[in-house]
C-alpha atoms as a PDB file:
ATOM      1  CA  MET A   1       0.024  -0.110  -0.031  1.00  0.00           C
ATOM      2  CA  LYS A   2       1.249   3.505  -0.923  1.00  0.00           C
ATOM      3  CA  GLN A   3       2.452   5.925   1.957  1.00  0.00           C
ATOM      4  CA  LEU A   4       0.140   8.755   1.800  1.00  0.00           C
ATOM      5  CA  GLN A   5       1.183  12.217   1.789  1.00  0.00           C
ATOM      6  CA  GLU A   6       0.210  15.095   3.922  1.00  0.00           C
ATOM      7  CA  ASN A   7      -1.093  18.130   1.520  1.00  0.00           C
ATOM      8  CA  ILE A   8      -1.076  15.787  -1.472  1.00  0.00           C
ATOM      9  CA  ASP A   9      -3.203  12.898  -0.598  1.00  0.00           C
ATOM     10  CA  PHE A  10      -4.919  14.551   2.407  1.00  0.00           C
ATOM     11  CA  TYR A  11      -4.844  17.319   4.782  1.00  0.00           C
ATOM     12  CA  TYR A  12      -6.364  18.244   8.128  1.00  0.00           C
ATOM     13  CA  ASN A  13      -9.156  20.564   8.215  1.00  0.00           C
ATOM     14  CA  GLU A  14      -9.796  23.384  10.963  1.00  0.00           C
ATOM     15  CA  GLN A  15     -11.354  21.006  13.155  1.00  0.00           C
ATOM     16  CA  GLY A  16      -8.523  18.656  13.035  1.00  0.00           C
ATOM     17  CA  TYR A  17     -10.374  16.068  11.047  1.00  0.00           C
ATOM     18  CA  PHE A  18      -8.421  14.132   8.211  1.00  0.00           C
ATOM     19  CA  VAL A  19      -9.764  15.043   4.667  1.00  0.00           C
ATOM     20  CA  PHE A  20      -8.854  13.273   1.416  1.00  0.00           C
ATOM     21  CA  THR A  21      -8.089  15.210  -1.590  1.00  0.00           C
ATOM     22  CA  GLU A  22      -9.629  14.958  -4.941  1.00  0.00           C
ATOM     23  CA  LYS A  23      -6.403  13.423  -6.244  1.00  0.00           C
ATOM     24  CA  TYR A  24      -6.356  10.703  -3.542  1.00  0.00           C
ATOM     25  CA  HIS A  25     -10.201  10.038  -4.677  1.00  0.00           C
ATOM     26  CA  LYS A  26      -9.220   9.907  -8.417  1.00  0.00           C
ATOM     27  CA  GLU A  27      -6.272   7.377  -7.655  1.00  0.00           C
ATOM     28  CA  ARG A  28      -8.728   5.257  -5.603  1.00  0.00           C
ATOM     29  CA  GLY A  29     -10.905   5.057  -8.632  1.00  0.00           C
ATOM     30  CA  TYR A  30     -14.486   5.048  -7.216  1.00  0.00           C
ATOM     31  CA  CYS A  31     -16.890   6.669  -4.876  1.00  0.00           C
ATOM     32  CA  CYS A  32     -17.167   5.338  -1.614  1.00  0.00           C
ATOM     33  CA  GLY A  33     -20.700   6.590  -0.636  1.00  0.00           C
ATOM     34  CA  ASN A  34     -19.733   8.556   2.392  1.00  0.00           C
ATOM     35  CA  GLY A  35     -20.251  12.058   0.793  1.00  0.00           C
ATOM     36  CA  CYS A  36     -16.610  13.011   0.917  1.00  0.00           C
ATOM     37  CA  LEU A  37     -15.971  16.661   0.526  1.00  0.00           C
ATOM     38  CA  HIS A  38     -13.668  16.342  -2.543  1.00  0.00           C
ATOM     39  CA  CYS A  39     -15.444  13.436  -4.154  1.00  0.00           C
ATOM     40  CA  PRO A  40     -14.739  13.806  -8.005  1.00  0.00           C
ATOM     41  CA  TYR A  41     -17.735  11.336  -8.906  1.00  0.00           C
ATOM     42  CA  ASP A  42     -20.464  13.457  -7.866  1.00  0.00           C
ATOM     43  CA  TYR A  43     -21.435  11.372  -4.988  1.00  0.00           C
ATOM     44  CA  GLU A  44     -22.707   8.452  -7.170  1.00  0.00           C
ATOM     45  CA  LYS A  45     -23.212   5.928  -4.264  1.00  0.00           C
ATOM     46  CA  VAL A  46     -24.495   8.413  -1.551  1.00  0.00           C
ATOM     47  CA  PRO A  47     -28.033   7.926  -0.987  1.00  0.00           C
ATOM     48  CA  ASP A  48     -30.351  10.191  -3.079  1.00  0.00           C
ATOM     49  CA  ASP A  49     -31.503  12.581  -0.333  1.00  0.00           C
ATOM     50  CA  LYS A  50     -27.912  13.161   1.083  1.00  0.00           C
ATOM     51  CA  LYS A  51     -26.547  13.337  -2.334  1.00  0.00           C
ATOM     52  CA  ALA A  52     -29.069  16.031  -3.309  1.00  0.00           C
ATOM     53  CA  ARG A  53     -28.034  18.214  -0.332  1.00  0.00           C
ATOM     54  CA  LEU A  54     -24.197  17.758  -1.038  1.00  0.00           C
ATOM     55  CA  LEU A  55     -24.607  18.430  -4.602  1.00  0.00           C
ATOM     56  CA  ALA A  56     -26.501  21.763  -3.886  1.00  0.00           C
ATOM     57  CA  ALA A  57     -23.965  22.757  -1.200  1.00  0.00           C
ATOM     58  CA  ARG A  58     -21.268  22.353  -3.751  1.00  0.00           C
ATOM     59  CA  ARG A  59     -22.861  24.317  -6.437  1.00  0.00           C
ATOM     60  CA  GLN A  60     -23.425  26.988  -3.845  1.00  0.00           C
ATOM     61  CA  LYS A  61     -19.789  27.104  -2.688  1.00  0.00           C
ATOM     62  CA  ASN A  62     -18.816  27.238  -6.308  1.00  0.00           C
ATOM     63  CA  ASP A  63     -20.990  29.896  -7.159  1.00  0.00           C
ATOM     64  CA  GLU A  64     -19.751  31.877  -4.155  1.00  0.00           C
ATOM     65  CA  SER A  65     -15.885  31.401  -5.539  1.00  0.00           C
END
């Protein structure tokens, strides 16, 4: 198994949580269904109600940027 590199494969957010980067998710190759912040697969395996909320939040964040 590959050694994960901080700030490349993951980072710690302001609350101290471990967050995988989009690069890590793309290398893994699939959506895990957990609703990860940087999911490049548009949350395809996340249950529909949660998926809709996550996609709306992502659109709102992108509109603010």
